[in-house]
């Protein structure tokens, strides 16, 4: 499924199988999650340098071929390919363990063809083995919603009472991790979103309510998954002194002005960007020990435009996943 220059829908095309270069792996795709970042690309909110483009960065498939120099992956391995496709490896960020900030980073399904296809080529260093016990569709959300949620979760340290603003794919995954570690989750949703609130309770949230409501007790930290800037002062007003508010993703509406008193008491606001290979290795090892269970709604590859529309309009029940291999 290909995005052409100037188009706002994907087109199904037959293309040549991609070529495997040294250091790459060729993966036969079985499933690919549909992410809101994909929507931003298709809707023209993120500038695309090279068309045509195949979106998709929550990829699960099987290695079919390996390029010269690849020693850790072999044909037949079931693997996942996330958003972070490569980094320079030599800048201060890469050397300091913060490759998510590498200025030369390239991203799967944005600066290289992604997983809305039968085959994809990826840099083997950024490809990860999928743990046993997950179907292809159930594993796909782990590669983005899971990883970005886990990176945000790492940033709240030892916080015990955690508020999650926006309860979708990422929040329903990280709630399970928090509950597994005996932490308390307070879920905040759009007013009246009973479906999200029921999901929050089903995966172990202690309390859920509207994003404008006060939780029954002060929070130690909050993670904002919804791209709504007004939630920043709202969350700050709910965290105790010393608390942290983490803003997830690279796109959020403007944060309105707010009283400086909301930052008093050593409260912190920070963002989270992308992921690192460390995040992927740690999270994929942790997932089956919880065990994390994902909620997915599956679509055939040819229905990618419908899947994108359902995600855009909030109709997808759980994480939307394209099924490539019947």
C-alpha atoms as a PDB file:
ATOM      1  CA  UNK A   1       0.000   0.000   0.000  1.00  0.00           C
ATOM      2  CA  UNK A   2       1.766   3.095  -1.341  1.00  0.00           C
ATOM      3  CA  UNK A   3       1.447   6.822  -0.634  1.00  0.00           C
ATOM      4  CA  UNK A   4       2.015   8.909  -3.768  1.00  0.00           C
ATOM      5  CA  UNK A   5       2.962  12.601  -3.791  1.00  0.00           C
ATOM      6  CA  UNK A   6      -0.118  14.759  -3.247  1.00  0.00           C
ATOM      7  CA  UNK A   7      -2.347  11.821  -2.317  1.00  0.00           C
ATOM      8  CA  UNK A   8      -4.296  11.433   0.916  1.00  0.00           C
ATOM      9  CA  UNK A   9      -5.075   7.754   0.437  1.00  0.00           C
ATOM     10  CA  UNK A  10      -2.888   4.727  -0.160  1.00  0.00           C
ATOM     11  CA  UNK A  11      -2.850   2.832  -3.427  1.00  0.00           C
ATOM     12  CA  UNK A  12      -2.263  -0.898  -3.797  1.00  0.00           C
ATOM     13  CA  UNK A  13       0.579  -1.591  -6.236  1.00  0.00           C
ATOM     14  CA  UNK A  14       2.739  -4.503  -7.326  1.00  0.00           C
ATOM     15  CA  UNK A  15       6.438  -3.708  -6.886  1.00  0.00           C
ATOM     16  CA  UNK A  16       9.704  -5.561  -7.202  1.00  0.00           C
ATOM     17  CA  UNK A  17      10.905  -7.370  -4.086  1.00  0.00           C
ATOM     18  CA  UNK A  18      13.325  -5.038  -2.244  1.00  0.00           C
ATOM     19  CA  UNK A  19      17.059  -5.680  -2.506  1.00  0.00           C
ATOM     20  CA  UNK A  20      19.055  -6.802   0.531  1.00  0.00           C
ATOM     21  CA  UNK A  21      22.267  -4.814   1.025  1.00  0.00           C
ATOM     22  CA  UNK A  22      25.123  -5.598   3.434  1.00  0.00           C
ATOM     23  CA  UNK A  23      23.930  -5.266   7.019  1.00  0.00           C
ATOM     24  CA  UNK A  24      20.261  -5.588   6.043  1.00  0.00           C
ATOM     25  CA  UNK A  25      17.628  -8.269   6.434  1.00  0.00           C
ATOM     26  CA  UNK A  26      14.717  -9.021   4.113  1.00  0.00           C
ATOM     27  CA  UNK A  27      11.561  -9.685   6.129  1.00  0.00           C
ATOM     28  CA  UNK A  28       8.392 -11.354   4.867  1.00  0.00           C
ATOM     29  CA  UNK A  29       5.777  -9.272   6.660  1.00  0.00           C
ATOM     30  CA  UNK A  30       2.902 -11.002   8.430  1.00  0.00           C
ATOM     31  CA  UNK A  31       1.317  -8.105  10.320  1.00  0.00           C
ATOM     32  CA  UNK A  32       1.819  -4.354  10.730  1.00  0.00           C
ATOM     33  CA  UNK A  33       0.198  -2.079  13.259  1.00  0.00           C
ATOM     34  CA  UNK A  34      -1.479   1.179  12.253  1.00  0.00           C
ATOM     35  CA  UNK A  35      -0.154   4.104  14.282  1.00  0.00           C
ATOM     36  CA  UNK A  36      -1.248   7.730  14.608  1.00  0.00           C
ATOM     37  CA  UNK A  37       2.138   8.704  13.195  1.00  0.00           C
ATOM     38  CA  UNK A  38       1.105   6.875  10.016  1.00  0.00           C
ATOM     39  CA  UNK A  39      -1.963   9.117   9.972  1.00  0.00           C
ATOM     40  CA  UNK A  40       0.185  12.223  10.246  1.00  0.00           C
ATOM     41  CA  UNK A  41       2.259  11.045   7.291  1.00  0.00           C
ATOM     42  CA  UNK A  42      -0.759  10.217   5.118  1.00  0.00           C
ATOM     43  CA  UNK A  43      -2.566  13.425   6.116  1.00  0.00           C
ATOM     44  CA  UNK A  44       0.452  15.517   5.145  1.00  0.00           C
ATOM     45  CA  UNK A  45       1.264  16.748   8.646  1.00  0.00           C
ATOM     46  CA  UNK A  46       4.764  15.257   8.451  1.00  0.00           C
ATOM     47  CA  UNK A  47       6.725  16.267   5.336  1.00  0.00           C
ATOM     48  CA  UNK A  48       7.837  13.305   3.238  1.00  0.00           C
ATOM     49  CA  UNK A  49      11.115  13.744   1.379  1.00  0.00           C
ATOM     50  CA  UNK A  50      10.813  10.860  -1.092  1.00  0.00           C
ATOM     51  CA  UNK A  51       7.698   9.516  -2.780  1.00  0.00           C
ATOM     52  CA  UNK A  52       6.328   6.952  -3.344  1.00  0.00           C
ATOM     53  CA  UNK A  53       6.387   5.759   0.263  1.00  0.00           C
ATOM     54  CA  UNK A  54       5.163   2.593   1.989  1.00  0.00           C
ATOM     55  CA  UNK A  55       4.120   3.503   5.583  1.00  0.00           C
ATOM     56  CA  UNK A  56       4.138   1.275   8.638  1.00  0.00           C
ATOM     57  CA  UNK A  57       6.514   0.799  11.575  1.00  0.00           C
ATOM     58  CA  UNK A  58       4.933  -1.797  13.877  1.00  0.00           C
ATOM     59  CA  UNK A  59       6.121  -4.698  11.745  1.00  0.00           C
ATOM     60  CA  UNK A  60       6.078  -8.395  12.578  1.00  0.00           C
ATOM     61  CA  UNK A  61       7.396 -10.932  10.100  1.00  0.00           C
ATOM     62  CA  UNK A  62       9.888 -13.657   9.318  1.00  0.00           C
ATOM     63  CA  UNK A  63      13.433 -13.159   8.091  1.00  0.00           C
ATOM     64  CA  UNK A  64      13.682 -14.445   4.537  1.00  0.00           C
ATOM     65  CA  UNK A  65      17.215 -13.369   3.600  1.00  0.00           C
ATOM     66  CA  UNK A  66      20.189 -11.657   5.236  1.00  0.00           C
ATOM     67  CA  UNK A  67      22.859  -9.384   3.814  1.00  0.00           C
ATOM     68  CA  UNK A  68      26.601  -9.718   4.218  1.00  0.00           C
ATOM     69  CA  UNK A  69      27.813  -9.067   7.737  1.00  0.00           C
ATOM     70  CA  UNK A  70      24.597 -10.009   9.531  1.00  0.00           C
ATOM     71  CA  UNK A  71      25.454 -12.515  12.268  1.00  0.00           C
ATOM     72  CA  UNK A  72      22.659 -12.259  14.867  1.00  0.00           C
ATOM     73  CA  UNK A  73      19.627 -13.008  12.675  1.00  0.00           C
ATOM     74  CA  UNK A  74      18.903 -15.928  10.373  1.00  0.00           C
ATOM     75  CA  UNK A  75      16.256 -16.936   7.838  1.00  0.00           C
ATOM     76  CA  UNK A  76      13.211 -18.223   9.685  1.00  0.00           C
ATOM     77  CA  UNK A  77      13.588 -15.930  12.718  1.00  0.00           C
ATOM     78  CA  UNK A  78      10.365 -14.151  13.666  1.00  0.00           C
ATOM     79  CA  UNK A  79      11.221 -10.500  14.207  1.00  0.00           C
ATOM     80  CA  UNK A  80       9.836  -7.042  14.818  1.00  0.00           C
ATOM     81  CA  UNK A  81      10.809  -3.772  13.166  1.00  0.00           C
ATOM     82  CA  UNK A  82      10.019  -0.496  15.026  1.00  0.00           C
ATOM     83  CA  UNK A  83       9.952   3.230  14.176  1.00  0.00           C
ATOM     84  CA  UNK A  84      13.671   3.819  14.771  1.00  0.00           C
ATOM     85  CA  UNK A  85      15.296   2.448  11.637  1.00  0.00           C
ATOM     86  CA  UNK A  86      18.929   3.548  12.016  1.00  0.00           C
ATOM     87  CA  UNK A  87      21.217   6.091  13.677  1.00  0.00           C
ATOM     88  CA  UNK A  88      24.707   7.408  12.948  1.00  0.00           C
ATOM     89  CA  UNK A  89      26.327   5.620  15.883  1.00  0.00           C
ATOM     90  CA  UNK A  90      29.041   8.244  16.315  1.00  0.00           C
ATOM     91  CA  UNK A  91      27.388  11.421  17.637  1.00  0.00           C
ATOM     92  CA  UNK A  92      27.354  12.351  21.323  1.00  0.00           C
ATOM     93  CA  UNK A  93      23.754  11.152  21.678  1.00  0.00           C
ATOM     94  CA  UNK A  94      24.485   7.728  20.214  1.00  0.00           C
ATOM     95  CA  UNK A  95      27.656   7.295  22.261  1.00  0.00           C
ATOM     96  CA  UNK A  96      25.841   8.445  25.393  1.00  0.00           C
ATOM     97  CA  UNK A  97      23.052   5.884  25.138  1.00  0.00           C
ATOM     98  CA  UNK A  98      20.502   8.408  23.855  1.00  0.00           C
ATOM     99  CA  UNK A  99      20.299   7.360  20.220  1.00  0.00           C
ATOM    100  CA  UNK A 100      16.633   8.393  20.197  1.00  0.00           C
ATOM    101  CA  UNK A 101      17.967  11.963  19.815  1.00  0.00           C
ATOM    102  CA  UNK A 102      20.453  11.236  17.019  1.00  0.00           C
ATOM    103  CA  UNK A 103      20.217  14.057  14.432  1.00  0.00           C
ATOM    104  CA  UNK A 104      20.929  11.550  11.640  1.00  0.00           C
ATOM    105  CA  UNK A 105      18.272   9.041  12.739  1.00  0.00           C
ATOM    106  CA  UNK A 106      16.086   7.555  10.033  1.00  0.00           C
ATOM    107  CA  UNK A 107      12.627   6.194  10.643  1.00  0.00           C
ATOM    108  CA  UNK A 108      10.822   3.141   9.285  1.00  0.00           C
ATOM    109  CA  UNK A 109       7.785   3.859   7.146  1.00  0.00           C
ATOM    110  CA  UNK A 110       8.765   7.518   6.870  1.00  0.00           C
ATOM    111  CA  UNK A 111      12.303   7.831   5.504  1.00  0.00           C
ATOM    112  CA  UNK A 112      12.380   4.245   4.281  1.00  0.00           C
ATOM    113  CA  UNK A 113       9.619   1.925   3.125  1.00  0.00           C
ATOM    114  CA  UNK A 114       7.710   0.289   5.937  1.00  0.00           C
ATOM    115  CA  UNK A 115       5.445  -2.634   6.664  1.00  0.00           C
ATOM    116  CA  UNK A 116       2.243  -1.963   4.703  1.00  0.00           C
ATOM    117  CA  UNK A 117       3.623  -4.502   2.244  1.00  0.00           C
ATOM    118  CA  UNK A 118       4.484  -8.158   1.800  1.00  0.00           C
ATOM    119  CA  UNK A 119       8.224  -7.535   2.106  1.00  0.00           C
ATOM    120  CA  UNK A 120      10.415  -4.951   3.800  1.00  0.00           C
ATOM    121  CA  UNK A 121      14.166  -4.450   4.112  1.00  0.00           C
ATOM    122  CA  UNK A 122      15.590  -3.164   7.403  1.00  0.00           C
ATOM    123  CA  UNK A 123      18.936  -2.500   9.055  1.00  0.00           C
ATOM    124  CA  UNK A 124      19.558  -5.693  11.022  1.00  0.00           C
ATOM    125  CA  UNK A 125      20.872  -3.740  14.032  1.00  0.00           C
ATOM    126  CA  UNK A 126      17.380  -2.311  14.569  1.00  0.00           C
ATOM    127  CA  UNK A 127      15.447  -5.554  14.158  1.00  0.00           C
ATOM    128  CA  UNK A 128      14.402  -7.536  17.241  1.00  0.00           C
ATOM    129  CA  UNK A 129      13.276 -11.079  17.882  1.00  0.00           C
ATOM    130  CA  UNK A 130       9.630 -11.392  18.906  1.00  0.00           C
ATOM    131  CA  UNK A 131       9.009 -13.335  22.137  1.00  0.00           C
ATOM    132  CA  UNK A 132       7.104 -16.589  21.988  1.00  0.00           C
ATOM    133  CA  UNK A 133       3.453 -16.688  22.980  1.00  0.00           C
ATOM    134  CA  UNK A 134       2.230 -13.811  20.808  1.00  0.00           C
ATOM    135  CA  UNK A 135       0.373 -14.097  17.539  1.00  0.00           C
ATOM    136  CA  UNK A 136       1.680 -11.860  14.762  1.00  0.00           C
ATOM    137  CA  UNK A 137      -1.242  -9.426  15.154  1.00  0.00           C
ATOM    138  CA  UNK A 138      -0.986  -9.336  18.952  1.00  0.00           C
ATOM    139  CA  UNK A 139       2.758  -8.656  18.789  1.00  0.00           C
ATOM    140  CA  UNK A 140       2.501  -5.715  16.369  1.00  0.00           C
ATOM    141  CA  UNK A 141       1.365  -3.066  18.926  1.00  0.00           C
ATOM    142  CA  UNK A 142       4.352  -3.926  21.116  1.00  0.00           C
ATOM    143  CA  UNK A 143       6.639  -2.421  18.454  1.00  0.00           C
ATOM    144  CA  UNK A 144       5.405   1.175  18.861  1.00  0.00           C
ATOM    145  CA  UNK A 145       2.625   1.635  21.386  1.00  0.00           C
ATOM    146  CA  UNK A 146       4.491  -0.698  23.707  1.00  0.00           C
ATOM    147  CA  UNK A 147       7.955   0.734  23.137  1.00  0.00           C
ATOM    148  CA  UNK A 148       7.065   4.420  23.359  1.00  0.00           C
ATOM    149  CA  UNK A 149       4.919   3.700  26.404  1.00  0.00           C
ATOM    150  CA  UNK A 150       7.776   1.818  28.027  1.00  0.00           C
ATOM    151  CA  UNK A 151      10.259   4.631  27.359  1.00  0.00           C
ATOM    152  CA  UNK A 152       7.857   7.118  28.963  1.00  0.00           C
ATOM    153  CA  UNK A 153       7.337   4.722  31.867  1.00  0.00           C
ATOM    154  CA  UNK A 154      11.081   4.526  32.439  1.00  0.00           C
ATOM    155  CA  UNK A 155      11.160   8.316  32.794  1.00  0.00           C
ATOM    156  CA  UNK A 156       8.890   8.365  35.852  1.00  0.00           C
ATOM    157  CA  UNK A 157      11.375   6.420  37.969  1.00  0.00           C
ATOM    158  CA  UNK A 158       9.937   4.782  41.065  1.00  0.00           C
ATOM    159  CA  UNK A 159       6.595   6.619  41.019  1.00  0.00           C
ATOM    160  CA  UNK A 160       3.902   4.479  42.639  1.00  0.00           C
ATOM    161  CA  UNK A 161       0.712   6.411  41.764  1.00  0.00           C
ATOM    162  CA  UNK A 162       0.649   7.005  38.023  1.00  0.00           C
ATOM    163  CA  UNK A 163      -1.843   9.010  36.010  1.00  0.00           C
ATOM    164  CA  UNK A 164      -2.302   8.125  32.333  1.00  0.00           C
ATOM    165  CA  UNK A 165      -3.976  10.789  30.189  1.00  0.00           C
ATOM    166  CA  UNK A 166      -5.443   9.346  26.988  1.00  0.00           C
ATOM    167  CA  UNK A 167      -6.233   5.658  27.262  1.00  0.00           C
ATOM    168  CA  UNK A 168      -5.489   3.910  23.988  1.00  0.00           C
ATOM    169  CA  UNK A 169      -2.994   1.396  22.643  1.00  0.00           C
ATOM    170  CA  UNK A 170       0.048   2.613  24.597  1.00  0.00           C
ATOM    171  CA  UNK A 171      -1.770   3.195  27.882  1.00  0.00           C
ATOM    172  CA  UNK A 172      -3.471  -0.202  27.900  1.00  0.00           C
ATOM    173  CA  UNK A 173      -0.081  -1.876  27.487  1.00  0.00           C
ATOM    174  CA  UNK A 174       1.876   0.108  30.056  1.00  0.00           C
ATOM    175  CA  UNK A 175      -0.927  -0.200  32.625  1.00  0.00           C
ATOM    176  CA  UNK A 176      -0.330  -3.938  32.632  1.00  0.00           C
ATOM    177  CA  UNK A 177       3.378  -3.394  33.298  1.00  0.00           C
ATOM    178  CA  UNK A 178       2.657  -0.990  36.159  1.00  0.00           C
ATOM    179  CA  UNK A 179       0.101  -3.293  37.792  1.00  0.00           C
ATOM    180  CA  UNK A 180       2.517  -6.219  37.435  1.00  0.00           C
ATOM    181  CA  UNK A 181       5.038  -4.130  39.403  1.00  0.00           C
ATOM    182  CA  UNK A 182       2.492  -3.342  42.138  1.00  0.00           C
ATOM    183  CA  UNK A 183       1.983   0.278  41.124  1.00  0.00           C
ATOM    184  CA  UNK A 184      -1.365   2.049  40.990  1.00  0.00           C
ATOM    185  CA  UNK A 185      -2.750   3.444  37.728  1.00  0.00           C
ATOM    186  CA  UNK A 186      -5.286   6.268  37.479  1.00  0.00           C
ATOM    187  CA  UNK A 187      -6.740   6.505  33.959  1.00  0.00           C
ATOM    188  CA  UNK A 188      -7.978   9.784  32.482  1.00  0.00           C
ATOM    189  CA  UNK A 189     -10.074   9.756  29.312  1.00  0.00           C
ATOM    190  CA  UNK A 190     -12.175  12.140  27.264  1.00  0.00           C
ATOM    191  CA  UNK A 191     -15.386  12.928  29.182  1.00  0.00           C
ATOM    192  CA  UNK A 192     -17.968  10.257  28.532  1.00  0.00           C
ATOM    193  CA  UNK A 193     -15.589   7.807  26.833  1.00  0.00           C
ATOM    194  CA  UNK A 194     -17.020   4.753  28.548  1.00  0.00           C
ATOM    195  CA  UNK A 195     -15.234   2.348  26.181  1.00  0.00           C
ATOM    196  CA  UNK A 196     -11.779   3.612  27.155  1.00  0.00           C
ATOM    197  CA  UNK A 197     -12.736   3.634  30.828  1.00  0.00           C
ATOM    198  CA  UNK A 198     -13.965   0.045  30.680  1.00  0.00           C
ATOM    199  CA  UNK A 199     -10.718  -0.972  28.968  1.00  0.00           C
ATOM    200  CA  UNK A 200      -8.708   0.801  31.683  1.00  0.00           C
ATOM    201  CA  UNK A 201     -10.519  -1.075  34.423  1.00  0.00           C
ATOM    202  CA  UNK A 202     -10.209  -4.366  32.536  1.00  0.00           C
ATOM    203  CA  UNK A 203      -6.418  -4.122  32.424  1.00  0.00           C
ATOM    204  CA  UNK A 204      -6.069  -3.189  36.073  1.00  0.00           C
ATOM    205  CA  UNK A 205      -6.462   0.572  36.557  1.00  0.00           C
ATOM    206  CA  UNK A 206      -7.394   1.460  40.138  1.00  0.00           C
ATOM    207  CA  UNK A 207      -9.567   4.416  39.078  1.00  0.00           C
ATOM    208  CA  UNK A 208     -10.718   6.075  35.886  1.00  0.00           C
ATOM    209  CA  UNK A 209     -12.476   9.305  35.092  1.00  0.00           C
ATOM    210  CA  UNK A 210     -12.563  12.299  32.775  1.00  0.00           C
ATOM    211  CA  UNK A 211      -9.346  14.188  32.047  1.00  0.00           C
ATOM    212  CA  UNK A 212     -10.774  17.216  33.880  1.00  0.00           C
ATOM    213  CA  UNK A 213     -11.500  15.290  37.071  1.00  0.00           C
ATOM    214  CA  UNK A 214      -9.333  15.107  40.158  1.00  0.00           C
ATOM    215  CA  UNK A 215      -8.054  11.646  41.071  1.00  0.00           C
ATOM    216  CA  UNK A 216      -8.940  10.370  44.540  1.00  0.00           C
ATOM    217  CA  UNK A 217      -5.355  10.973  45.708  1.00  0.00           C
ATOM    218  CA  UNK A 218      -2.361  12.986  44.448  1.00  0.00           C
ATOM    219  CA  UNK A 219      -0.245  11.410  41.722  1.00  0.00           C
ATOM    220  CA  UNK A 220       3.484  10.757  41.874  1.00  0.00           C
ATOM    221  CA  UNK A 221       3.730  11.057  38.079  1.00  0.00           C
ATOM    222  CA  UNK A 222       1.613  11.433  34.980  1.00  0.00           C
ATOM    223  CA  UNK A 223       2.124  10.342  31.386  1.00  0.00           C
ATOM    224  CA  UNK A 224       0.224  12.240  28.700  1.00  0.00           C
ATOM    225  CA  UNK A 225      -0.468  10.086  25.640  1.00  0.00           C
ATOM    226  CA  UNK A 226      -3.187  12.325  24.209  1.00  0.00           C
ATOM    227  CA  UNK A 227      -1.760  15.053  21.910  1.00  0.00           C
ATOM    228  CA  UNK A 228      -3.540  17.798  23.861  1.00  0.00           C
ATOM    229  CA  UNK A 229      -1.388  20.599  25.269  1.00  0.00           C
ATOM    230  CA  UNK A 230      -4.072  21.701  27.734  1.00  0.00           C
ATOM    231  CA  UNK A 231      -3.493  18.451  29.617  1.00  0.00           C
ATOM    232  CA  UNK A 232      -0.027  19.612  30.722  1.00  0.00           C
ATOM    233  CA  UNK A 233      -1.214  22.161  33.320  1.00  0.00           C
ATOM    234  CA  UNK A 234      -4.094  19.825  34.180  1.00  0.00           C
ATOM    235  CA  UNK A 235      -1.674  16.989  34.954  1.00  0.00           C
ATOM    236  CA  UNK A 236       0.699  19.319  36.830  1.00  0.00           C
ATOM    237  CA  UNK A 237      -2.169  20.291  39.091  1.00  0.00           C
ATOM    238  CA  UNK A 238      -2.680  16.624  39.989  1.00  0.00           C
ATOM    239  CA  UNK A 239       0.907  15.550  40.751  1.00  0.00           C
ATOM    240  CA  UNK A 240       2.400  15.870  44.202  1.00  0.00           C
ATOM    241  CA  UNK A 241       5.574  17.887  44.878  1.00  0.00           C
ATOM    242  CA  UNK A 242       8.532  16.228  43.213  1.00  0.00           C
ATOM    243  CA  UNK A 243       6.264  14.668  40.610  1.00  0.00           C
ATOM    244  CA  UNK A 244       6.957  14.323  36.888  1.00  0.00           C
ATOM    245  CA  UNK A 245       4.703  14.903  33.885  1.00  0.00           C
ATOM    246  CA  UNK A 246       5.871  13.129  30.705  1.00  0.00           C
ATOM    247  CA  UNK A 247       4.551  14.228  27.305  1.00  0.00           C
ATOM    248  CA  UNK A 248       4.636  11.436  24.732  1.00  0.00           C
ATOM    249  CA  UNK A 249       5.090  11.865  20.992  1.00  0.00           C
ATOM    250  CA  UNK A 250       6.381  14.550  18.666  1.00  0.00           C
ATOM    251  CA  UNK A 251       3.069  16.310  18.102  1.00  0.00           C
ATOM    252  CA  UNK A 252       0.916  18.085  20.657  1.00  0.00           C
ATOM    253  CA  UNK A 253      -1.351  21.112  20.478  1.00  0.00           C
ATOM    254  CA  UNK A 254       0.020  24.272  22.072  1.00  0.00           C
ATOM    255  CA  UNK A 255       0.367  24.272  25.838  1.00  0.00           C
ATOM    256  CA  UNK A 256      -1.656  27.166  27.281  1.00  0.00           C
ATOM    257  CA  UNK A 257      -0.120  29.562  29.782  1.00  0.00           C
ATOM    258  CA  UNK A 258      -0.488  28.475  33.383  1.00  0.00           C
ATOM    259  CA  UNK A 259       0.444  29.790  36.838  1.00  0.00           C
ATOM    260  CA  UNK A 260       4.091  29.275  37.724  1.00  0.00           C
ATOM    261  CA  UNK A 261       2.897  27.854  41.030  1.00  0.00           C
ATOM    262  CA  UNK A 262       2.062  24.619  39.182  1.00  0.00           C
ATOM    263  CA  UNK A 263       5.807  24.069  38.699  1.00  0.00           C
ATOM    264  CA  UNK A 264       6.695  24.772  42.311  1.00  0.00           C
ATOM    265  CA  UNK A 265       7.665  21.959  44.617  1.00  0.00           C
ATOM    266  CA  UNK A 266      10.250  20.642  42.130  1.00  0.00           C
ATOM    267  CA  UNK A 267       7.664  19.345  39.719  1.00  0.00           C
ATOM    268  CA  UNK A 268       9.075  18.423  36.296  1.00  0.00           C
ATOM    269  CA  UNK A 269       7.703  18.463  32.761  1.00  0.00           C
ATOM    270  CA  UNK A 270       9.585  16.517  30.111  1.00  0.00           C
ATOM    271  CA  UNK A 271       9.057  14.968  26.688  1.00  0.00           C
ATOM    272  CA  UNK A 272       9.886  11.556  25.299  1.00  0.00           C
ATOM    273  CA  UNK A 273      11.093  11.018  21.750  1.00  0.00           C
ATOM    274  CA  UNK A 274      11.299   7.833  19.709  1.00  0.00           C
ATOM    275  CA  UNK A 275      13.001   4.869  21.373  1.00  0.00           C
ATOM    276  CA  UNK A 276      16.383   3.229  21.792  1.00  0.00           C
ATOM    277  CA  UNK A 277      17.516  -0.323  21.167  1.00  0.00           C
ATOM    278  CA  UNK A 278      17.894  -0.720  24.909  1.00  0.00           C
ATOM    279  CA  UNK A 279      14.190   0.101  25.301  1.00  0.00           C
ATOM    280  CA  UNK A 280      13.293  -2.545  22.726  1.00  0.00           C
ATOM    281  CA  UNK A 281      15.437  -5.284  24.227  1.00  0.00           C
ATOM    282  CA  UNK A 282      14.240  -4.620  27.786  1.00  0.00           C
ATOM    283  CA  UNK A 283      10.573  -4.313  26.882  1.00  0.00           C
ATOM    284  CA  UNK A 284      10.390  -7.378  24.629  1.00  0.00           C
ATOM    285  CA  UNK A 285      12.041  -9.407  27.384  1.00  0.00           C
ATOM    286  CA  UNK A 286       9.602  -8.038  29.963  1.00  0.00           C
ATOM    287  CA  UNK A 287       6.400  -8.428  27.910  1.00  0.00           C
ATOM    288  CA  UNK A 288       5.917 -12.218  28.277  1.00  0.00           C
ATOM    289  CA  UNK A 289       6.728 -12.155  32.000  1.00  0.00           C
ATOM    290  CA  UNK A 290       3.772  -9.854  32.778  1.00  0.00           C
ATOM    291  CA  UNK A 291       2.319 -11.217  30.447  1.00  0.00           C
ATOM    292  CA  UNK A 292       1.145  -8.239  28.401  1.00  0.00           C
ATOM    293  CA  UNK A 293      -2.045  -8.906  26.451  1.00  0.00           C
ATOM    294  CA  UNK A 294      -2.870  -6.571  23.582  1.00  0.00           C
ATOM    295  CA  UNK A 295      -6.327  -5.693  22.252  1.00  0.00           C
ATOM    296  CA  UNK A 296      -6.321  -5.545  18.457  1.00  0.00           C
ATOM    297  CA  UNK A 297      -8.716  -5.037  15.571  1.00  0.00           C
ATOM    298  CA  UNK A 298      -7.446  -6.717  12.414  1.00  0.00           C
ATOM    299  CA  UNK A 299      -7.773  -5.536   8.806  1.00  0.00           C
ATOM    300  CA  UNK A 300      -6.635  -7.033   5.527  1.00  0.00           C
ATOM    301  CA  UNK A 301      -3.733  -5.160   3.914  1.00  0.00           C
ATOM    302  CA  UNK A 302      -5.995  -3.907   1.113  1.00  0.00           C
ATOM    303  CA  UNK A 303      -8.210  -2.224   3.734  1.00  0.00           C
ATOM    304  CA  UNK A 304      -5.382  -0.011   4.996  1.00  0.00           C
ATOM    305  CA  UNK A 305      -7.297   3.162   4.130  1.00  0.00           C
ATOM    306  CA  UNK A 306     -10.287   1.978   6.174  1.00  0.00           C
ATOM    307  CA  UNK A 307      -7.982   1.115   9.085  1.00  0.00           C
ATOM    308  CA  UNK A 308      -6.431   4.590   8.942  1.00  0.00           C
ATOM    309  CA  UNK A 309      -9.885   6.166   8.833  1.00  0.00           C
ATOM    310  CA  UNK A 310     -11.058   4.108  11.801  1.00  0.00           C
ATOM    311  CA  UNK A 311      -8.021   5.166  13.823  1.00  0.00           C
ATOM    312  CA  UNK A 312      -8.553   8.806  12.796  1.00  0.00           C
ATOM    313  CA  UNK A 313     -12.210   8.749  13.885  1.00  0.00           C
ATOM    314  CA  UNK A 314     -11.725   6.618  16.998  1.00  0.00           C
ATOM    315  CA  UNK A 315     -13.683   3.664  15.627  1.00  0.00           C
ATOM    316  CA  UNK A 316     -10.924   1.054  15.997  1.00  0.00           C
ATOM    317  CA  UNK A 317     -11.584  -1.234  18.953  1.00  0.00           C
ATOM    318  CA  UNK A 318      -8.095  -1.670  20.314  1.00  0.00           C
ATOM    319  CA  UNK A 319      -4.924  -1.306  18.277  1.00  0.00           C
ATOM    320  CA  UNK A 320      -5.552  -1.486  14.514  1.00  0.00           C
ATOM    321  CA  UNK A 321      -3.370  -4.087  12.781  1.00  0.00           C
ATOM    322  CA  UNK A 322      -3.014  -4.926   9.090  1.00  0.00           C
ATOM    323  CA  UNK A 323      -2.771  -8.634   8.315  1.00  0.00           C
ATOM    324  CA  UNK A 324      -0.477  -9.232   5.376  1.00  0.00           C
ATOM    325  CA  UNK A 325      -0.046 -12.994   5.489  1.00  0.00           C
ATOM    326  CA  UNK A 326      -3.414 -14.844   5.352  1.00  0.00           C
END
